[in-house]
PDB file of N, CA and C in Angstrom:
ATOM      1  N   MET A   1       0.839  -1.174   0.000  1.00  0.00           N
ATOM      2  CA  MET A   1       0.000   0.000   0.000  1.00  0.00           C
ATOM      3  C   MET A   1       0.894   1.252   0.000  1.00  0.00           C
ATOM      4  N   LEU A   2       0.615   2.166  -0.881  1.00  0.00           N
ATOM      5  CA  LEU A   2       1.344   3.416  -0.985  1.00  0.00           C
ATOM      6  C   LEU A   2       0.717   4.453  -0.063  1.00  0.00           C
ATOM      7  N   THR A   3       1.530   5.061   0.769  1.00  0.00           N
ATOM      8  CA  THR A   3       1.038   6.116   1.647  1.00  0.00           C
ATOM      9  C   THR A   3       1.739   7.409   1.288  1.00  0.00           C
ATOM     10  N   ILE A   4       0.958   8.451   1.098  1.00  0.00           N
ATOM     11  CA  ILE A   4       1.518   9.755   0.751  1.00  0.00           C
ATOM     12  C   ILE A   4       1.195  10.736   1.861  1.00  0.00           C
ATOM     13  N   ASN A   5       2.209  11.431   2.308  1.00  0.00           N
ATOM     14  CA  ASN A   5       2.032  12.546   3.218  1.00  0.00           C
ATOM     15  C   ASN A   5       3.267  13.418   3.062  1.00  0.00           C
ATOM     16  N   LEU A   6       3.121  14.481   2.325  1.00  0.00           N
ATOM     17  CA  LEU A   6       4.234  15.362   2.010  1.00  0.00           C
ATOM     18  C   LEU A   6       3.838  16.784   2.368  1.00  0.00           C
ATOM     19  N   GLN A   7       4.737  17.480   3.029  1.00  0.00           N
ATOM     20  CA  GLN A   7       4.470  18.865   3.402  1.00  0.00           C
ATOM     21  C   GLN A   7       5.617  19.743   2.930  1.00  0.00           C
ATOM     22  N   VAL A   8       5.256  20.860   2.308  1.00  0.00           N
ATOM     23  CA  VAL A   8       6.243  21.844   1.862  1.00  0.00           C
ATOM     24  C   VAL A   8       5.848  23.186   2.458  1.00  0.00           C
ATOM     25  N   ASP A   9       6.798  23.816   3.152  1.00  0.00           N
ATOM     26  CA  ASP A   9       6.551  25.130   3.744  1.00  0.00           C
ATOM     27  C   ASP A   9       7.288  26.191   2.945  1.00  0.00           C
ATOM     28  N   PHE A  10       6.576  27.255   2.647  1.00  0.00           N
ATOM     29  CA  PHE A  10       7.169  28.412   1.981  1.00  0.00           C
ATOM     30  C   PHE A  10       7.200  29.543   3.003  1.00  0.00           C
ATOM     31  N   LEU A  11       8.406  29.892   3.444  1.00  0.00           N
ATOM     32  CA  LEU A  11       8.573  30.929   4.457  1.00  0.00           C
ATOM     33  C   LEU A  11       8.768  32.273   3.777  1.00  0.00           C
ATOM     34  N   GLN A  12       7.990  33.255   4.198  1.00  0.00           N
ATOM     35  CA  GLN A  12       8.040  34.585   3.614  1.00  0.00           C
ATOM     36  C   GLN A  12       8.947  35.490   4.453  1.00  0.00           C
ATOM     37  N   PRO A  13       9.521  36.525   3.846  1.00  0.00           N
ATOM     38  CA  PRO A  13      10.430  37.422   4.575  1.00  0.00           C
ATOM     39  C   PRO A  13       9.801  38.056   5.826  1.00  0.00           C
ATOM     40  N   ASP A  14       8.485  38.258   5.826  1.00  0.00           N
ATOM     41  CA  ASP A  14       7.835  38.897   6.975  1.00  0.00           C
ATOM     42  C   ASP A  14       7.453  37.907   8.079  1.00  0.00           C
ATOM     43  N   GLY A  15       7.813  36.637   7.911  1.00  0.00           N
ATOM     44  CA  GLY A  15       7.490  35.620   8.904  1.00  0.00           C
ATOM     45  C   GLY A  15       6.246  34.810   8.577  1.00  0.00           C
ATOM     46  N   SER A  16       5.520  35.200   7.552  1.00  0.00           N
ATOM     47  CA  SER A  16       4.336  34.448   7.133  1.00  0.00           C
ATOM     48  C   SER A  16       4.766  33.096   6.564  1.00  0.00           C
ATOM     49  N   THR A  17       3.868  32.127   6.638  1.00  0.00           N
ATOM     50  CA  THR A  17       4.159  30.787   6.134  1.00  0.00           C
ATOM     51  C   THR A  17       2.992  30.294   5.285  1.00  0.00           C
ATOM     52  N   ILE A  18       3.323  29.715   4.140  1.00  0.00           N
ATOM     53  CA  ILE A  18       2.339  29.041   3.301  1.00  0.00           C
ATOM     54  C   ILE A  18       2.749  27.575   3.273  1.00  0.00           C
ATOM     55  N   THR A  19       1.831  26.701   3.662  1.00  0.00           N
ATOM     56  CA  THR A  19       2.124  25.276   3.720  1.00  0.00           C
ATOM     57  C   THR A  19       1.252  24.540   2.717  1.00  0.00           C
ATOM     58  N   ASN A  20       1.886  23.698   1.919  1.00  0.00           N
ATOM     59  CA  ASN A  20       1.174  22.809   0.994  1.00  0.00           C
ATOM     60  C   ASN A  20       1.363  21.387   1.509  1.00  0.00           C
ATOM     61  N   THR A  21       0.262  20.705   1.745  1.00  0.00           N
ATOM     62  CA  THR A  21       0.319  19.333   2.233  1.00  0.00           C
ATOM     63  C   THR A  21      -0.386  18.428   1.236  1.00  0.00           C
ATOM     64  N   ILE A  22       0.307  17.391   0.802  1.00  0.00           N
ATOM     65  CA  ILE A  22      -0.275  16.393  -0.095  1.00  0.00           C
ATOM     66  C   ILE A  22      -0.487  15.130   0.730  1.00  0.00           C
ATOM     67  N   SER A  23      -1.717  14.620   0.692  1.00  0.00           N
ATOM     68  CA  SER A  23      -2.048  13.431   1.472  1.00  0.00           C
ATOM     69  C   SER A  23      -3.048  12.570   0.705  1.00  0.00           C
ATOM     70  N   GLU A  24      -3.329  11.417   1.251  1.00  0.00           N
ATOM     71  CA  GLU A  24      -4.267  10.489   0.615  1.00  0.00           C
ATOM     72  C   GLU A  24      -5.691  10.793   1.028  1.00  0.00           C
ATOM     73  N   GLY A  25      -6.592  10.602   0.079  1.00  0.00           N
ATOM     74  CA  GLY A  25      -8.016  10.645   0.395  1.00  0.00           C
ATOM     75  C   GLY A  25      -8.447   9.292   0.921  1.00  0.00           C
ATOM     76  N   PRO A  26      -9.718   9.120   1.222  1.00  0.00           N
ATOM     77  CA  PRO A  26     -10.228   7.868   1.802  1.00  0.00           C
ATOM     78  C   PRO A  26      -9.980   6.628   0.940  1.00  0.00           C
ATOM     79  N   LYS A  27      -9.946   6.782  -0.390  1.00  0.00           N
ATOM     80  CA  LYS A  27      -9.747   5.625  -1.278  1.00  0.00           C
ATOM     81  C   LYS A  27      -8.275   5.259  -1.427  1.00  0.00           C
ATOM     82  N   GLY A  28      -7.370   6.128  -0.989  1.00  0.00           N
ATOM     83  CA  GLY A  28      -5.943   5.845  -1.040  1.00  0.00           C
ATOM     84  C   GLY A  28      -5.281   6.321  -2.316  1.00  0.00           C
ATOM     85  N   ALA A  29      -3.989   6.529  -2.235  1.00  0.00           N
ATOM     86  CA  ALA A  29      -3.213   7.038  -3.362  1.00  0.00           C
ATOM     87  C   ALA A  29      -3.214   6.074  -4.539  1.00  0.00           C
ATOM     88  N   ALA A  30      -3.210   4.766  -4.257  1.00  0.00           N
ATOM     89  CA  ALA A  30      -3.194   3.776  -5.332  1.00  0.00           C
ATOM     90  C   ALA A  30      -4.432   3.909  -6.221  1.00  0.00           C
ATOM     91  N   ALA A  31      -5.527   4.410  -5.640  1.00  0.00           N
ATOM     92  CA  ALA A  31      -6.759   4.615  -6.407  1.00  0.00           C
ATOM     93  C   ALA A  31      -6.810   6.019  -7.009  1.00  0.00           C
ATOM     94  N   GLY A  32      -5.715   6.759  -6.854  1.00  0.00           N
ATOM     95  CA  GLY A  32      -5.671   8.113  -7.408  1.00  0.00           C
ATOM     96  C   GLY A  32      -6.355   9.160  -6.540  1.00  0.00           C
ATOM     97  N   ASP A  33      -6.646   8.804  -5.304  1.00  0.00           N
ATOM     98  CA  ASP A  33      -7.332   9.720  -4.390  1.00  0.00           C
ATOM     99  C   ASP A  33      -6.286  10.477  -3.568  1.00  0.00           C
ATOM    100  N   ILE A  34      -5.828  11.580  -4.128  1.00  0.00           N
ATOM    101  CA  ILE A  34      -4.783  12.385  -3.498  1.00  0.00           C
ATOM    102  C   ILE A  34      -5.344  13.785  -3.260  1.00  0.00           C
ATOM    103  N   LEU A  35      -5.074  14.331  -2.101  1.00  0.00           N
ATOM    104  CA  LEU A  35      -5.577  15.633  -1.710  1.00  0.00           C
ATOM    105  C   LEU A  35      -4.416  16.623  -1.546  1.00  0.00           C
ATOM    106  N   MET A  36      -4.658  17.884  -1.851  1.00  0.00           N
ATOM    107  CA  MET A  36      -3.683  18.923  -1.578  1.00  0.00           C
ATOM    108  C   MET A  36      -4.353  19.972  -0.718  1.00  0.00           C
ATOM    109  N   THR A  37      -3.758  20.251   0.417  1.00  0.00           N
ATOM    110  CA  THR A  37      -4.303  21.211   1.366  1.00  0.00           C
ATOM    111  C   THR A  37      -3.343  22.393   1.479  1.00  0.00           C
ATOM    112  N   TYR A  38      -3.889  23.573   1.384  1.00  0.00           N
ATOM    113  CA  TYR A  38      -3.106  24.791   1.541  1.00  0.00           C
ATOM    114  C   TYR A  38      -3.421  25.382   2.913  1.00  0.00           C
ATOM    115  N   THR A  39      -2.387  25.841   3.596  1.00  0.00           N
ATOM    116  CA  THR A  39      -2.571  26.555   4.851  1.00  0.00           C
ATOM    117  C   THR A  39      -1.792  27.858   4.748  1.00  0.00           C
ATOM    118  N   PHE A  40      -2.471  28.955   5.004  1.00  0.00           N
ATOM    119  CA  PHE A  40      -1.850  30.273   4.924  1.00  0.00           C
ATOM    120  C   PHE A  40      -1.817  30.868   6.327  1.00  0.00           C
ATOM    121  N   GLU A  41      -0.634  31.229   6.786  1.00  0.00           N
ATOM    122  CA  GLU A  41      -0.477  31.910   8.068  1.00  0.00           C
ATOM    123  C   GLU A  41       0.247  33.224   7.789  1.00  0.00           C
ATOM    124  N   TRP A  42      -0.530  34.286   7.749  1.00  0.00           N
ATOM    125  CA  TRP A  42       0.049  35.589   7.446  1.00  0.00           C
ATOM    126  C   TRP A  42       0.335  36.347   8.733  1.00  0.00           C
ATOM    127  N   ILE A  43       1.486  36.988   8.773  1.00  0.00           N
ATOM    128  CA  ILE A  43       1.903  37.796   9.917  1.00  0.00           C
ATOM    129  C   ILE A  43       1.765  39.267   9.532  1.00  0.00           C
ATOM    130  N   HIS A  44       1.126  40.031  10.388  1.00  0.00           N
ATOM    131  CA  HIS A  44       0.926  41.463  10.105  1.00  0.00           C
ATOM    132  C   HIS A  44       1.235  42.284  11.352  1.00  0.00           C
ATOM    133  N   ALA A  45       2.504  42.432  11.633  1.00  0.00           N
ATOM    134  CA  ALA A  45       2.914  43.225  12.798  1.00  0.00           C
ATOM    135  C   ALA A  45       2.537  44.691  12.624  1.00  0.00           C
ATOM    136  N   ASP A  46       2.340  45.109  11.377  1.00  0.00           N
ATOM    137  CA  ASP A  46       2.060  46.514  11.084  1.00  0.00           C
ATOM    138  C   ASP A  46       0.574  46.878  11.128  1.00  0.00           C
ATOM    139  N   ILE A  47      -0.299  45.902  11.373  1.00  0.00           N
ATOM    140  CA  ILE A  47      -1.734  46.185  11.388  1.00  0.00           C
ATOM    141  C   ILE A  47      -2.275  46.000  12.805  1.00  0.00           C
ATOM    142  N   ASP A  48      -2.917  47.044  13.309  1.00  0.00           N
ATOM    143  CA  ASP A  48      -3.554  46.986  14.625  1.00  0.00           C
ATOM    144  C   ASP A  48      -4.831  46.162  14.492  1.00  0.00           C
ATOM    145  N   PRO A  49      -4.954  45.055  15.244  1.00  0.00           N
ATOM    146  CA  PRO A  49      -6.145  44.209  15.125  1.00  0.00           C
ATOM    147  C   PRO A  49      -7.450  44.939  15.440  1.00  0.00           C
ATOM    148  N   LYS A  50      -7.367  46.066  16.116  1.00  0.00           N
ATOM    149  CA  LYS A  50      -8.562  46.847  16.441  1.00  0.00           C
ATOM    150  C   LYS A  50      -8.996  47.740  15.278  1.00  0.00           C
ATOM    151  N   ASP A  51      -8.118  47.874  14.281  1.00  0.00           N
ATOM    152  CA  ASP A  51      -8.450  48.693  13.105  1.00  0.00           C
ATOM    153  C   ASP A  51      -9.238  47.820  12.135  1.00  0.00           C
ATOM    154  N   THR A  52     -10.538  47.772  12.323  1.00  0.00           N
ATOM    155  CA  THR A  52     -11.390  46.855  11.562  1.00  0.00           C
ATOM    156  C   THR A  52     -11.344  47.121  10.057  1.00  0.00           C
ATOM    157  N   PHE A  53     -11.147  48.372   9.661  1.00  0.00           N
ATOM    158  CA  PHE A  53     -11.073  48.664   8.232  1.00  0.00           C
ATOM    159  C   PHE A  53      -9.820  48.035   7.621  1.00  0.00           C
ATOM    160  N   LYS A  54      -8.654  48.271   8.238  1.00  0.00           N
ATOM    161  CA  LYS A  54      -7.413  47.697   7.703  1.00  0.00           C
ATOM    162  C   LYS A  54      -7.449  46.171   7.728  1.00  0.00           C
ATOM    163  N   VAL A  55      -8.007  45.622   8.793  1.00  0.00           N
ATOM    164  CA  VAL A  55      -8.118  44.159   8.892  1.00  0.00           C
ATOM    165  C   VAL A  55      -8.996  43.631   7.765  1.00  0.00           C
ATOM    166  N   SER A  56     -10.107  44.288   7.503  1.00  0.00           N
ATOM    167  CA  SER A  56     -11.024  43.873   6.443  1.00  0.00           C
ATOM    168  C   SER A  56     -10.359  43.940   5.068  1.00  0.00           C
ATOM    169  N   VAL A  57      -9.651  45.031   4.807  1.00  0.00           N
ATOM    170  CA  VAL A  57      -8.950  45.191   3.526  1.00  0.00           C
ATOM    171  C   VAL A  57      -7.897  44.101   3.364  1.00  0.00           C
ATOM    172  N   GLN A  58      -7.144  43.827   4.418  1.00  0.00           N
ATOM    173  CA  GLN A  58      -6.088  42.804   4.352  1.00  0.00           C
ATOM    174  C   GLN A  58      -6.683  41.419   4.139  1.00  0.00           C
ATOM    175  N   LYS A  59      -7.781  41.109   4.821  1.00  0.00           N
ATOM    176  CA  LYS A  59      -8.426  39.797   4.649  1.00  0.00           C
ATOM    177  C   LYS A  59      -8.879  39.600   3.207  1.00  0.00           C
ATOM    178  N   LYS A  60      -9.453  40.646   2.621  1.00  0.00           N
ATOM    179  CA  LYS A  60      -9.899  40.548   1.225  1.00  0.00           C
ATOM    180  C   LYS A  60      -8.708  40.307   0.299  1.00  0.00           C
ATOM    181  N   LYS A  61      -7.631  41.036   0.517  1.00  0.00           N
ATOM    182  CA  LYS A  61      -6.416  40.882  -0.294  1.00  0.00           C
ATOM    183  C   LYS A  61      -5.864  39.453  -0.166  1.00  0.00           C
ATOM    184  N   GLU A  62      -5.818  38.953   1.054  1.00  0.00           N
ATOM    185  CA  GLU A  62      -5.283  37.608   1.281  1.00  0.00           C
ATOM    186  C   GLU A  62      -6.186  36.532   0.690  1.00  0.00           C
ATOM    187  N   HIS A  63      -7.477  36.743   0.742  1.00  0.00           N
ATOM    188  CA  HIS A  63      -8.407  35.788   0.143  1.00  0.00           C
ATOM    189  C   HIS A  63      -8.131  35.681  -1.365  1.00  0.00           C
ATOM    190  N   GLU A  64      -7.964  36.811  -2.022  1.00  0.00           N
ATOM    191  CA  GLU A  64      -7.681  36.814  -3.460  1.00  0.00           C
ATOM    192  C   GLU A  64      -6.331  36.161  -3.761  1.00  0.00           C
ATOM    193  N   MET A  65      -5.314  36.441  -2.930  1.00  0.00           N
ATOM    194  CA  MET A  65      -3.998  35.836  -3.128  1.00  0.00           C
ATOM    195  C   MET A  65      -4.068  34.317  -2.968  1.00  0.00           C
ATOM    196  N   ALA A  66      -4.786  33.860  -1.958  1.00  0.00           N
ATOM    197  CA  ALA A  66      -4.912  32.420  -1.714  1.00  0.00           C
ATOM    198  C   ALA A  66      -5.643  31.743  -2.867  1.00  0.00           C
ATOM    199  N   LYS A  67      -6.713  32.361  -3.322  1.00  0.00           N
ATOM    200  CA  LYS A  67      -7.489  31.817  -4.443  1.00  0.00           C
ATOM    201  C   LYS A  67      -6.605  31.686  -5.687  1.00  0.00           C
ATOM    202  N   MET A  68      -5.825  32.724  -5.972  1.00  0.00           N
ATOM    203  CA  MET A  68      -4.951  32.693  -7.140  1.00  0.00           C
ATOM    204  C   MET A  68      -3.880  31.612  -6.992  1.00  0.00           C
ATOM    205  N   ALA A  69      -3.302  31.472  -5.797  1.00  0.00           N
ATOM    206  CA  ALA A  69      -2.264  30.456  -5.577  1.00  0.00           C
ATOM    207  C   ALA A  69      -2.810  29.055  -5.830  1.00  0.00           C
ATOM    208  N   VAL A  70      -4.000  28.778  -5.335  1.00  0.00           N
ATOM    209  CA  VAL A  70      -4.612  27.462  -5.523  1.00  0.00           C
ATOM    210  C   VAL A  70      -4.925  27.228  -7.003  1.00  0.00           C
ATOM    211  N   GLU A  71      -5.542  28.213  -7.654  1.00  0.00           N
ATOM    212  CA  GLU A  71      -5.884  28.062  -9.074  1.00  0.00           C
ATOM    213  C   GLU A  71      -4.645  27.855  -9.935  1.00  0.00           C
ATOM    214  N   LYS A  72      -3.577  28.602  -9.692  1.00  0.00           N
ATOM    215  CA  LYS A  72      -2.342  28.467 -10.483  1.00  0.00           C
ATOM    216  C   LYS A  72      -1.696  27.109 -10.239  1.00  0.00           C
ATOM    217  N   SER A  73      -1.751  26.619  -9.008  1.00  0.00           N
ATOM    218  CA  SER A  73      -1.194  25.295  -8.720  1.00  0.00           C
ATOM    219  C   SER A  73      -1.961  24.210  -9.466  1.00  0.00           C
ATOM    220  N   ILE A  74      -3.279  24.308  -9.472  1.00  0.00           N
ATOM    221  CA  ILE A  74      -4.098  23.325 -10.186  1.00  0.00           C
ATOM    222  C   ILE A  74      -3.786  23.369 -11.680  1.00  0.00           C
ATOM    223  N   GLU A  75      -3.680  24.575 -12.247  1.00  0.00           N
ATOM    224  CA  GLU A  75      -3.319  24.708 -13.667  1.00  0.00           C
ATOM    225  C   GLU A  75      -1.971  24.049 -13.954  1.00  0.00           C
ATOM    226  N   SER A  76      -0.985  24.296 -13.092  1.00  0.00           N
ATOM    227  CA  SER A  76       0.351  23.724 -13.288  1.00  0.00           C
ATOM    228  C   SER A  76       0.331  22.207 -13.206  1.00  0.00           C
ATOM    229  N   ILE A  77      -0.389  21.674 -12.229  1.00  0.00           N
ATOM    230  CA  ILE A  77      -0.465  20.219 -12.083  1.00  0.00           C
ATOM    231  C   ILE A  77      -1.141  19.595 -13.302  1.00  0.00           C
ATOM    232  N   ARG A  78      -2.229  20.194 -13.768  1.00  0.00           N
ATOM    233  CA  ARG A  78      -2.904  19.665 -14.964  1.00  0.00           C
ATOM    234  C   ARG A  78      -1.986  19.700 -16.178  1.00  0.00           C
ATOM    235  N   ARG A  79      -1.235  20.778 -16.330  1.00  0.00           N
ATOM    236  CA  ARG A  79      -0.309  20.905 -17.459  1.00  0.00           C
ATOM    237  C   ARG A  79       0.784  19.824 -17.375  1.00  0.00           C
ATOM    238  N   MET A  80       1.290  19.558 -16.159  1.00  0.00           N
ATOM    239  CA  MET A  80       2.330  18.539 -15.996  1.00  0.00           C
ATOM    240  C   MET A  80       1.786  17.143 -16.279  1.00  0.00           C
ATOM    241  N   VAL A  81       0.528  16.897 -15.936  1.00  0.00           N
ATOM    242  CA  VAL A  81      -0.082  15.605 -16.248  1.00  0.00           C
ATOM    243  C   VAL A  81      -0.223  15.464 -17.757  1.00  0.00           C
ATOM    244  N   GLN A  82      -0.681  16.519 -18.437  1.00  0.00           N
ATOM    245  CA  GLN A  82      -0.864  16.482 -19.882  1.00  0.00           C
ATOM    246  C   GLN A  82       0.443  16.272 -20.634  1.00  0.00           C
ATOM    247  N   ASP A  83       1.516  16.925 -20.160  1.00  0.00           N
ATOM    248  CA  ASP A  83       2.778  16.794 -20.896  1.00  0.00           C
ATOM    249  C   ASP A  83       3.623  15.610 -20.408  1.00  0.00           C
ATOM    250  N   GLY A  84       3.097  14.845 -19.440  1.00  0.00           N
ATOM    251  CA  GLY A  84       3.777  13.632 -18.982  1.00  0.00           C
ATOM    252  C   GLY A  84       4.839  13.844 -17.926  1.00  0.00           C
ATOM    253  N   THR A  85       5.001  15.070 -17.448  1.00  0.00           N
ATOM    254  CA  THR A  85       5.990  15.340 -16.401  1.00  0.00           C
ATOM    255  C   THR A  85       5.656  14.567 -15.133  1.00  0.00           C
ATOM    256  N   ILE A  86       4.360  14.493 -14.819  1.00  0.00           N
ATOM    257  CA  ILE A  86       3.902  13.668 -13.697  1.00  0.00           C
ATOM    258  C   ILE A  86       2.790  12.758 -14.202  1.00  0.00           C
ATOM    259  N   LYS A  87       2.645  11.635 -13.529  1.00  0.00           N
ATOM    260  CA  LYS A  87       1.639  10.654 -13.915  1.00  0.00           C
ATOM    261  C   LYS A  87       0.423  10.787 -13.028  1.00  0.00           C
ATOM    262  N   ALA A  88      -0.744  10.816 -13.630  1.00  0.00           N
ATOM    263  CA  ALA A  88      -1.994  10.947 -12.850  1.00  0.00           C
ATOM    264  C   ALA A  88      -2.373   9.616 -12.248  1.00  0.00           C
TER     265      ALA A  88
END
C-alpha cells in the first residue's frame, strides 16, 4: 500500500508561512485519491487588530492571493499531467 504525506513550507520574509500538504483521500493514493491542502499563516505586525477597516482590507487581499495560488497550482499540475511530467 502506498502512503503519501508530504508537506512543503514556503517561508516569507515577513514571517508568514504558506504550507502545501499532499495526502491520501479515503480511497488511497493507489486509487488516485490524493488531496492537496493549503494553509496560509500571514503575519501582520504593522496592522492593529482593532483597526477593523485595515483588517477587512487585508483579509480581502489575502483571500484573493490564496485563491490565485490554488488556481495556479491546479493549472500547473494539470499541465504537468498532460505533458507527462507527472503521472496521474
